[in-house]
Protein backbone atom coordinates (compact mmCIF):
# COMPACT_ATOMS: atom_id res chain seq x y z
CA MET A 1 32.18 15.13 -40.58
CA PHE A 2 31.39 13.06 -43.25
CA SER A 3 35.22 13.28 -44.79
CA ALA A 4 36.45 11.60 -41.50
CA VAL A 5 33.83 8.85 -41.60
CA ARG A 6 34.82 8.35 -45.42
CA PRO A 7 37.96 6.04 -45.05
CA SER A 8 36.62 3.55 -42.99
CA LEU A 9 33.57 2.75 -44.97
CA PRO A 10 35.22 0.38 -47.35
CA ALA A 11 36.87 -1.87 -44.57
CA LEU A 12 33.36 -1.94 -42.97
CA LEU A 13 31.60 -2.73 -46.60
CA ARG A 14 34.28 -5.35 -46.89
CA PHE A 15 33.43 -7.18 -43.69
CA ALA A 16 29.79 -6.85 -44.33
CA ARG A 17 30.01 -8.43 -47.97
CA THR A 18 32.25 -11.48 -47.34
CA PRO A 19 30.07 -14.62 -47.53
CA SER A 20 31.96 -16.95 -45.27
CA ILE A 21 32.38 -15.00 -42.14
CA GLY A 22 29.12 -13.78 -42.46
CA ARG A 23 27.18 -16.92 -42.29
CA SER A 24 29.28 -18.32 -40.19
CA ILE A 25 28.82 -15.79 -37.36
CA VAL A 26 25.07 -15.96 -38.39
CA ALA A 27 25.22 -19.32 -37.82
CA LEU A 28 26.91 -19.49 -34.69
CA LEU A 29 25.00 -16.65 -33.26
CA THR A 30 21.75 -18.54 -33.75
CA GLY A 31 23.02 -21.45 -32.01
CA ALA A 32 24.45 -19.34 -28.98
CA ILE A 33 21.03 -17.53 -28.77
CA LEU A 34 19.04 -20.98 -28.87
CA LEU A 35 21.06 -22.68 -26.16
CA LEU A 36 20.64 -19.45 -24.15
CA LEU A 37 16.86 -19.75 -24.68
CA ALA A 38 16.81 -23.63 -24.02
CA ALA A 39 18.74 -22.95 -20.49
CA ASN A 40 16.38 -20.17 -19.98
CA VAL A 41 13.40 -21.95 -20.23
CA THR A 42 14.84 -24.91 -18.23
CA THR A 43 15.76 -22.68 -15.69
CA PHE A 44 12.36 -21.01 -15.67
CA VAL A 45 10.52 -24.43 -15.80
CA MET A 46 12.88 -25.21 -12.72
CA ILE A 47 12.35 -22.21 -10.81
CA GLN A 48 8.49 -22.55 -11.27
CA ARG A 49 8.64 -25.92 -10.04
CA THR A 50 10.90 -24.67 -7.02
CA ALA A 51 8.28 -21.89 -6.21
CA ASP A 52 5.65 -24.42 -6.71
CA LEU A 53 7.17 -26.99 -4.02
CA SER A 54 8.61 -23.96 -1.16
CA GLU A 55 4.54 -22.96 -1.38
CA GLN A 56 3.54 -26.44 -0.26
CA VAL A 57 6.57 -26.09 1.84
CA GLU A 58 5.54 -23.35 3.66
CA ARG A 59 1.90 -24.78 3.52
CA SER A 60 2.92 -27.66 5.38
CA GLN A 61 4.57 -25.92 7.94
CA GLN A 62 1.30 -23.53 8.74
CA VAL A 63 -0.60 -26.58 9.10
CA ARG A 64 2.00 -28.11 11.69
CA ARG A 65 2.24 -24.70 13.34
CA ALA A 66 -1.90 -24.31 13.22
CA ALA A 67 -2.35 -27.74 14.63
CA GLY A 68 0.65 -27.23 17.34
CA VAL A 69 -0.46 -23.67 18.56
CA LEU A 70 -4.24 -25.52 19.03
CA LEU A 71 -2.69 -27.99 20.87
CA LEU A 72 -1.30 -25.44 23.29
CA SER A 73 -3.90 -23.54 23.44
CA LEU A 74 -6.27 -26.57 24.81
CA VAL A 75 -3.48 -27.35 27.03
CA ASP A 76 -3.33 -23.77 28.78
CA ALA A 77 -7.27 -23.95 28.91
CA GLU A 78 -7.16 -27.29 30.57
CA THR A 79 -4.41 -25.90 33.20
CA GLY A 80 -6.47 -23.15 34.05
CA GLN A 81 -9.65 -25.10 34.42
CA ARG A 82 -7.63 -27.70 36.75
CA GLY A 83 -6.05 -24.58 38.85
CA PHE A 84 -9.43 -22.74 39.25
CA LEU A 85 -11.16 -26.27 40.34
CA LEU A 86 -8.78 -26.79 42.72
CA SER A 87 -8.16 -23.38 44.26
CA GLY A 88 -11.39 -21.77 43.55
CA ASP A 89 -9.61 -18.76 42.58
CA PRO A 90 -10.69 -16.86 39.60
CA ALA A 91 -7.24 -15.73 38.69
CA PHE A 92 -6.17 -19.21 37.69
CA LEU A 93 -9.25 -18.69 34.56
CA ALA A 94 -6.63 -16.41 32.71
CA PRO A 95 -5.33 -19.45 30.59
CA TYR A 96 -8.76 -20.97 30.28
CA ASN A 97 -10.30 -17.37 29.22
CA GLY A 98 -7.54 -16.58 26.65
CA ALA A 99 -7.92 -20.08 25.35
CA ALA A 100 -11.66 -19.83 24.80
CA THR A 101 -11.37 -16.79 22.72
CA SER A 102 -8.66 -18.07 20.79
CA VAL A 103 -9.14 -21.79 20.26
CA PRO A 104 -12.41 -21.46 17.81
CA ASP A 105 -10.31 -19.12 15.39
CA GLN A 106 -7.40 -21.58 15.80
CA MET A 107 -9.60 -24.50 14.55
CA ASP A 108 -10.98 -22.29 11.69
CA GLU A 109 -7.53 -21.64 10.69
CA LEU A 110 -6.70 -25.25 10.76
CA GLU A 111 -9.71 -26.32 8.94
CA ARG A 112 -9.23 -23.44 6.15
CA LEU A 113 -5.40 -24.73 5.59
CA THR A 114 -6.78 -28.42 5.12
CA ALA A 115 -9.89 -27.81 3.10
CA ASP A 116 -8.28 -28.77 -0.20
CA ASP A 117 -6.49 -31.53 1.25
CA PRO A 118 -8.85 -35.16 1.26
CA GLN A 119 -5.61 -36.94 2.92
CA LEU A 120 -5.45 -34.29 5.85
CA GLU A 121 -9.21 -33.57 5.82
CA ALA A 122 -10.54 -36.65 7.66
CA GLN A 123 -7.97 -36.13 10.17
CA VAL A 124 -8.47 -32.73 11.01
CA SER A 125 -12.52 -33.19 10.95
CA VAL A 126 -12.10 -35.79 13.79
CA MET A 127 -9.19 -33.51 15.84
CA LEU A 128 -11.60 -30.34 15.69
CA GLU A 129 -14.68 -32.38 16.65
CA ALA A 130 -12.79 -33.51 19.40
CA ALA A 131 -10.99 -30.00 20.34
CA ARG A 132 -15.13 -28.68 20.38
CA ASP A 133 -16.22 -31.21 22.39
CA LYS A 134 -12.92 -30.15 24.67
CA LEU A 135 -13.93 -26.85 24.84
CA ALA A 136 -17.69 -27.70 25.99
CA GLU A 137 -16.52 -29.79 28.80
CA LEU A 138 -14.03 -27.07 29.97
CA GLU A 139 -16.95 -24.74 30.06
CA ARG A 140 -19.14 -26.59 31.72
CA SER A 141 -16.82 -27.85 34.65
CA VAL A 142 -15.68 -23.99 35.19
CA THR A 143 -19.38 -22.88 35.23
CA LEU A 144 -20.14 -25.81 37.61
CA SER A 145 -17.85 -24.41 39.78
CA ARG A 146 -18.57 -20.85 40.09
CA THR A 147 -22.34 -21.62 40.59
CA GLY A 148 -20.86 -23.63 43.56
CA ARG A 149 -21.35 -26.86 42.29
CA THR A 150 -17.58 -27.89 42.62
CA GLY A 151 -18.20 -31.62 43.46
CA GLU A 152 -20.08 -31.74 40.24
CA ALA A 153 -17.48 -30.30 38.60
CA VAL A 154 -14.82 -32.55 39.76
CA GLN A 155 -16.61 -35.56 39.24
CA LEU A 156 -16.85 -34.17 35.33
CA VAL A 157 -13.16 -34.05 35.46
CA ARG A 158 -13.06 -37.58 36.98
CA SER A 159 -15.09 -39.60 34.59
CA GLY A 160 -12.26 -39.11 31.87
CA ARG A 161 -14.06 -37.80 29.25
CA GLY A 162 -11.53 -34.78 29.18
CA GLN A 163 -8.83 -37.09 28.87
CA GLU A 164 -10.04 -38.89 26.25
CA LEU A 165 -11.08 -36.18 23.87
CA MET A 166 -7.17 -34.91 24.49
CA THR A 167 -6.00 -38.33 23.80
CA THR A 168 -7.94 -38.12 20.44
CA ILE A 169 -6.51 -34.63 19.94
CA ARG A 170 -3.32 -35.14 20.24
CA ALA A 171 -3.49 -38.33 18.38
CA GLY A 172 -4.84 -36.38 15.29
CA ILE A 173 -2.19 -33.65 15.46
CA GLY A 174 0.11 -36.75 15.58
CA ALA A 175 -1.16 -38.02 12.27
CA VAL A 176 -1.31 -34.39 10.56
CA ASP A 177 2.55 -33.79 12.00
CA GLU A 178 3.55 -37.31 10.20
CA ILE A 179 1.53 -36.87 7.15
CA GLU A 180 3.35 -33.24 6.74
CA MET A 181 6.87 -34.60 7.97
CA VAL A 182 6.65 -37.35 5.03
CA ARG A 183 5.33 -34.50 2.45
CA LEU A 184 8.35 -32.08 3.63
CA ASP A 185 10.74 -34.94 2.92
CA SER A 186 9.43 -36.18 -0.54
CA ARG A 187 9.06 -32.02 -1.62
CA SER A 188 12.63 -31.38 -0.33
CA ARG A 189 14.12 -34.40 -2.42
CA GLN A 190 12.38 -33.07 -5.45
CA SER A 191 13.66 -29.46 -4.69
CA GLU A 192 17.27 -30.69 -4.48
CA HIS A 193 16.99 -32.95 -7.72
CA GLY A 194 15.58 -29.43 -9.39
CA SER A 195 18.08 -27.32 -8.58
CA ARG A 196 20.94 -30.28 -9.49
CA LEU A 197 19.35 -30.34 -13.00
CA THR A 198 19.19 -26.55 -13.49
CA LEU A 199 22.55 -26.32 -12.25
CA TRP A 200 23.78 -28.91 -15.21
CA ALA A 201 21.47 -27.64 -17.80
CA ASN A 202 23.14 -23.78 -17.36
CA ALA A 203 26.73 -25.19 -16.95
CA LEU A 204 26.42 -27.34 -20.36
CA SER A 205 24.90 -24.43 -21.85
CA GLY A 206 27.41 -22.19 -20.94
CA LEU A 207 30.10 -24.45 -21.95
CA LEU A 208 28.46 -24.90 -25.52
CA VAL A 209 28.30 -21.13 -25.50
CA LEU A 210 32.07 -20.35 -24.79
CA VAL A 211 32.52 -22.85 -27.02
CA LEU A 212 30.50 -20.87 -30.19
CA ALA A 213 32.30 -17.70 -28.91
CA GLY A 214 35.78 -19.12 -29.26
CA ILE A 215 34.97 -20.12 -32.78
CA MET A 216 33.42 -16.50 -33.44
CA VAL A 217 36.49 -14.66 -31.81
CA TRP A 218 38.69 -17.08 -34.14
CA LEU A 219 36.75 -16.25 -37.35
CA VAL A 220 36.71 -12.54 -36.53
CA ARG A 221 40.13 -12.05 -35.82
CA ARG A 222 41.40 -11.48 -39.62
CA TYR A 223 39.19 -8.35 -39.66
CA ILE A 224 40.14 -6.48 -36.72
CA GLY A 225 42.24 -4.09 -38.28
CA GLU A 226 39.86 -2.89 -40.39
CA ILE A 227 37.17 -2.44 -37.88
CA GLN A 228 39.68 -1.17 -35.46
CA LEU A 229 39.97 1.94 -38.11
CA ALA A 230 36.45 2.27 -38.36
CA ARG A 231 35.81 2.10 -34.29
CA ASP A 232 38.49 4.67 -34.23
CA THR A 233 37.19 6.98 -36.36
CA LEU A 234 33.58 6.75 -34.39
CA ASP A 235 35.04 6.85 -31.34
CA ARG A 236 36.08 10.79 -32.45
CA MET A 237 32.93 10.87 -33.92
CA ASN A 238 31.18 9.96 -31.01
CA ALA A 239 33.74 12.16 -28.35
CA GLY A 240 32.62 15.16 -30.21
CA LEU A 241 28.85 14.42 -30.06
CA GLU A 242 28.96 13.54 -26.04
CA THR A 243 30.95 16.87 -25.68
CA GLN A 244 28.07 19.16 -27.19
CA VAL A 245 25.50 16.90 -25.70
CA ARG A 246 27.30 17.40 -22.51
CA ASP A 247 27.75 20.94 -22.64
CA ARG A 248 23.96 21.48 -24.13
CA THR A 249 22.40 19.04 -21.21
CA ALA A 250 24.82 21.53 -18.89
CA GLN A 251 23.25 24.37 -20.35
CA LEU A 252 19.32 23.34 -20.23
CA THR A 253 19.76 21.58 -16.73
CA LEU A 254 20.97 25.47 -15.64
CA ALA A 255 18.19 27.04 -17.26
CA ARG A 256 15.53 24.71 -15.70
CA ASP A 257 17.08 25.10 -12.17
CA ARG A 258 17.13 28.90 -12.64
CA ALA A 259 13.40 28.62 -13.86
CA GLU A 260 12.50 26.25 -10.62
CA ALA A 261 14.28 28.72 -8.30
CA MET A 262 12.52 31.44 -9.78
CA LEU A 263 8.92 29.75 -9.83
CA ARG A 264 9.67 28.70 -5.78
CA GLU A 265 10.95 32.42 -4.97
CA VAL A 266 7.55 33.69 -6.76
CA ASN A 267 5.34 31.13 -4.50
CA HIS A 268 7.56 32.02 -1.56
CA ARG A 269 6.65 35.51 -1.97
CA VAL A 270 3.18 35.40 -2.63
CA GLY A 271 2.40 32.56 -0.04
CA ASN A 272 4.37 35.53 2.55
CA SER A 273 2.12 38.49 0.88
CA LEU A 274 -1.00 36.24 1.47
CA GLN A 275 0.06 35.62 5.26
CA LEU A 276 1.05 38.84 5.68
CA VAL A 277 -2.85 40.02 4.70
CA SER A 278 -4.45 37.14 6.81
CA SER A 279 -2.15 38.80 9.64
CA PHE A 280 -3.87 42.16 8.80
CA MET A 281 -7.26 40.77 8.89
CA SER A 282 -6.46 39.01 12.05
CA MET A 283 -5.20 42.49 13.55
CA GLN A 284 -8.46 44.02 12.26
CA GLN A 285 -10.62 41.32 13.86
CA ARG A 286 -8.94 42.16 17.47
CA HIS A 287 -10.33 45.74 16.92
CA LEU A 288 -13.65 45.02 16.01
CA ALA A 289 -16.76 45.15 18.23
CA ASP A 290 -19.24 43.69 15.70
CA ASP A 291 -19.43 40.50 15.85
CA GLY A 292 -20.78 39.59 12.58
CA ALA A 293 -17.68 42.07 11.10
CA ARG A 294 -15.43 39.63 12.71
CA SER A 295 -17.48 36.77 11.56
CA ALA A 296 -16.86 37.86 7.67
CA LEU A 297 -13.03 38.62 8.40
CA LYS A 298 -12.54 35.18 9.81
CA GLU A 299 -14.45 33.49 7.07
CA SER A 300 -12.07 35.75 4.47
CA GLN A 301 -9.11 34.98 6.50
CA ALA A 302 -9.80 31.03 6.03
CA ARG A 303 -9.99 31.45 2.24
CA ILE A 304 -6.86 33.16 2.03
CA GLU A 305 -5.09 30.70 4.26
CA ALA A 306 -6.40 27.95 1.55
CA VAL A 307 -4.52 29.63 -1.34
CA ALA A 308 -1.85 30.92 1.01
CA HIS A 309 -1.41 26.81 1.55
CA VAL A 310 -1.17 25.78 -1.72
CA HIS A 311 1.98 28.44 -2.64
CA ARG A 312 3.91 26.83 0.85
CA ARG A 313 3.72 24.07 -0.28
CA LEU A 314 4.71 24.73 -3.72
CA TYR A 315 7.48 26.77 -2.23
CA THR A 316 8.80 22.92 -0.48
CA SER A 317 8.20 20.49 -2.88
CA ASP A 318 10.48 19.60 -5.69
CA ASP A 319 7.26 19.32 -8.20
CA MET A 320 6.03 22.58 -9.02
CA SER A 321 3.12 21.66 -11.25
CA SER A 322 1.21 19.05 -8.83
CA VAL A 323 0.45 19.30 -5.39
CA ALA A 324 -0.29 15.94 -3.23
CA MET A 325 -3.83 16.54 -2.26
CA ASP A 326 -3.56 14.51 1.17
CA ASP A 327 -0.78 16.78 2.54
CA TYR A 328 -2.18 19.74 1.44
CA LEU A 329 -5.57 18.93 3.32
CA GLU A 330 -3.80 17.70 6.36
CA GLY A 331 -2.27 20.98 6.81
CA LEU A 332 -5.29 22.66 5.87
CA ILE A 333 -7.78 20.83 7.86
CA ALA A 334 -5.01 21.71 11.20
CA GLU A 335 -5.17 25.57 10.33
CA LEU A 336 -8.88 25.61 10.16
CA GLY A 337 -9.09 23.63 13.08
CA LYS A 338 -6.89 26.34 15.05
CA SER A 339 -8.91 29.39 13.57
CA LEU A 340 -12.57 27.96 13.13
CA ALA A 341 -12.48 25.39 16.22
CA PRO A 342 -10.33 26.19 18.73
CA GLY A 343 -12.40 25.65 22.06
CA ALA A 344 -12.66 22.00 23.83
CA GLY A 345 -16.70 22.08 23.01
CA SER A 346 -15.91 22.94 19.46
CA PRO A 347 -16.51 20.31 16.41
CA THR A 348 -14.07 18.12 15.80
CA LEU A 349 -12.60 18.04 12.08
CA THR A 350 -11.54 14.42 11.03
CA LEU A 351 -9.78 13.93 7.42
CA LYS A 352 -9.54 10.99 5.38
CA ALA A 353 -7.62 11.80 2.48
CA GLN A 354 -6.05 9.27 -0.04
CA PRO A 355 -2.76 9.88 -1.98
CA LEU A 356 -3.85 11.86 -5.09
CA ALA A 357 -2.22 14.63 -6.88
CA VAL A 358 -3.91 17.24 -8.88
CA SER A 359 -2.88 20.62 -10.58
CA THR A 360 -2.16 23.76 -8.90
CA ASP A 361 -4.91 25.20 -9.77
CA GLN A 362 -7.23 22.55 -8.89
CA ALA A 363 -5.70 22.74 -5.50
CA VAL A 364 -6.55 26.11 -4.98
CA SER A 365 -10.10 25.57 -5.95
CA ILE A 366 -10.63 22.58 -3.57
CA GLY A 367 -9.20 24.06 -0.93
CA VAL A 368 -11.10 26.73 -0.80
CA ILE A 369 -14.39 24.96 -1.48
CA VAL A 370 -13.54 22.83 1.87
CA THR A 371 -12.83 26.02 3.76
CA GLU A 372 -16.55 27.27 2.81
CA LEU A 373 -18.02 23.89 3.53
CA VAL A 374 -15.78 23.49 6.75
CA THR A 375 -16.74 27.41 7.70
CA ASN A 376 -20.39 26.52 7.34
CA ALA A 377 -20.56 22.87 9.16
CA VAL A 378 -19.00 24.89 12.30
CA LYS A 379 -21.04 27.63 12.34
CA TYR A 380 -24.40 25.91 11.87
CA ALA A 381 -24.32 22.15 12.13
CA TYR A 382 -23.90 21.89 15.88
CA GLY A 383 -24.92 24.17 18.85
CA PRO A 384 -22.67 26.13 21.41
CA GLU A 385 -20.19 23.76 23.15
CA GLN A 386 -21.93 20.87 21.90
CA GLY A 387 -18.87 19.14 20.35
CA GLY A 388 -19.75 17.02 17.15
CA GLU A 389 -17.84 15.72 14.30
CA ILE A 390 -17.19 16.99 10.97
CA ARG A 391 -15.56 14.77 8.54
CA ILE A 392 -14.00 15.59 5.34
CA VAL A 393 -13.24 12.37 2.69
CA LEU A 394 -11.15 12.91 -0.47
CA GLU A 395 -10.65 9.24 -2.54
CA PRO A 396 -10.65 8.45 -6.14
CA ASP A 397 -13.78 7.30 -7.98
CA PRO A 398 -12.89 4.09 -9.95
CA ASP A 399 -16.10 4.05 -11.60
CA ASN A 400 -15.31 7.01 -14.07
CA GLY A 401 -11.62 7.92 -13.26
CA ARG A 402 -12.28 11.06 -11.14
CA ALA A 403 -12.15 11.96 -7.49
CA LEU A 404 -14.74 12.34 -4.81
CA LEU A 405 -14.45 15.11 -2.09
CA THR A 406 -17.29 14.83 0.63
CA VAL A 407 -17.65 17.30 3.61
CA GLU A 408 -20.32 16.07 6.07
CA ASP A 409 -21.90 16.63 9.42
CA ASP A 410 -24.01 14.77 11.86
CA GLY A 411 -26.31 18.08 12.52
CA PRO A 412 -29.85 19.01 11.90
CA GLY A 413 -29.33 18.97 8.05
CA LEU A 414 -30.64 21.54 5.66
CA GLY A 415 -34.33 21.75 6.54
CA ASP A 416 -35.37 23.85 3.52
CA ALA A 417 -32.63 22.30 1.53
CA LYS A 418 -30.82 25.59 1.18
CA PRO A 419 -27.59 26.11 2.74
CA LYS A 420 -27.61 28.68 5.60
CA GLY A 421 -25.49 32.06 5.30
CA THR A 422 -25.42 35.12 3.66
CA GLY A 423 -25.15 33.55 0.35
CA LEU A 424 -21.43 34.70 -0.21
CA GLY A 425 -19.72 31.40 0.44
CA GLY A 426 -22.50 29.62 -1.59
CA LYS A 427 -21.57 31.76 -4.96
CA ILE A 428 -17.89 31.23 -4.02
CA ILE A 429 -17.90 27.15 -4.14
CA THR A 430 -20.23 27.81 -7.19
CA ALA A 431 -17.56 29.62 -8.61
CA MET A 432 -15.12 27.08 -7.65
CA ALA A 433 -16.69 24.15 -8.61
CA SER A 434 -17.20 25.62 -12.01
CA GLY A 435 -13.48 25.99 -12.37
CA LEU A 436 -13.35 22.51 -11.77
CA ARG A 437 -16.01 21.44 -14.21
CA SER A 438 -18.38 20.30 -11.64
CA LYS A 439 -20.92 21.07 -8.82
CA VAL A 440 -21.73 20.42 -5.31
CA GLU A 441 -24.43 18.53 -4.77
CA TYR A 442 -25.95 17.64 -1.21
CA ASP A 443 -27.38 14.47 -0.32
CA PRO A 444 -30.79 14.42 1.24
CA ALA A 445 -30.89 10.78 2.61
CA HIS A 446 -27.94 11.98 5.12
CA PRO A 447 -29.59 13.13 8.30
CA GLY A 448 -27.05 16.26 8.48
CA VAL A 449 -25.60 17.97 5.39
CA ARG A 450 -23.32 15.95 3.57
CA ALA A 451 -22.11 17.97 0.10
CA ARG A 452 -20.14 15.75 -2.57
CA LEU A 453 -17.81 17.31 -5.39
CA ALA A 454 -16.50 15.26 -7.83
CA PHE A 455 -13.94 16.45 -10.30
CA ASP A 456 -11.25 14.96 -12.84
CA LEU A 457 -7.88 14.31 -11.68
């Protein structure tokens, strides 16, 4: 390798030691870089200014749209009022009812959009006051007509107060629209001026850079032969190195693919084996007359399903090192619902899980803990055919960088502060939580049972 490089070294050293060409190229490169920096700074400033102008234009458009929508809503409300007063048919009140609901929100939106604009705030304040009075006038006339006092309602309309308010509203909207149109015209001209300035700055910078590049090309042409010799030598070396790297990469990729395939096959076989054990236990349940034995087998089957579910997830996932807990818990809760609460009067299992990823060992422990807590809630939280809800929540804890698992119900609670059952489930929960370097805590302030587990991600 070094014998191939040695002939090109003198040419590279001569090029590097040439004072005139070195200083000239450094000076030209420095000038080109400074020009590019100046062009980039100018472009950035103009882009920022254009973005600000665009934001102001969008705000103006929002103000105009909000004012127009408010006017249309008031016109619809007035139309519904007139139709109802003339016909007495409540069907004509549909536009009025819709406007009565939407107009307050529309007025709040318009007030929010113009809150920091002294020029618009005065116009909008008068217009919104008139709009509120108009709504009150419409509501009073409709109420009078509904109570059989149609004559008084018609007299209220004939008084001309509503027309005066609508005239005030239209005048206010017209003034707002005129102000925003003037602003839009000014901002459009500023944006066009900025675009032209940016274009000329970039064009001039590009032209100067091209001139400097041409000068550098002219200076370097005398040394192309020596540099080409060194380049050819390096290309041959690089080609050999690239071939070696490519071959080694292919070998590592093949080994990785084989390892992943083997791991997927292991997870597939483990999952199938656990599913087979679960099926045997299901068959055994059907041949048992003792309800206690059947319940114990069902709980054991749920635990096995929790572990099997992890292996099935790993078999179908591209990531062998972690498990997406939201997808995993969704499938697990669906299976628990089918096996533990299949009837119409059974409790409903509700899941709210954030997209968190944990290791496979953590996923197994969490799945078993969820299975035990849900099983206890199904058995003891509600009476037969009582229904109810069991909630499972998984969310990050931003205060300490951990995750928080919560399983809760609205049943009668723990009573003596000790979970019911034989104690095996509690031991399993304690063991699994210990593997997560944590423990399950029960909230005494909750009216039902609320179990919480905080664990590291």
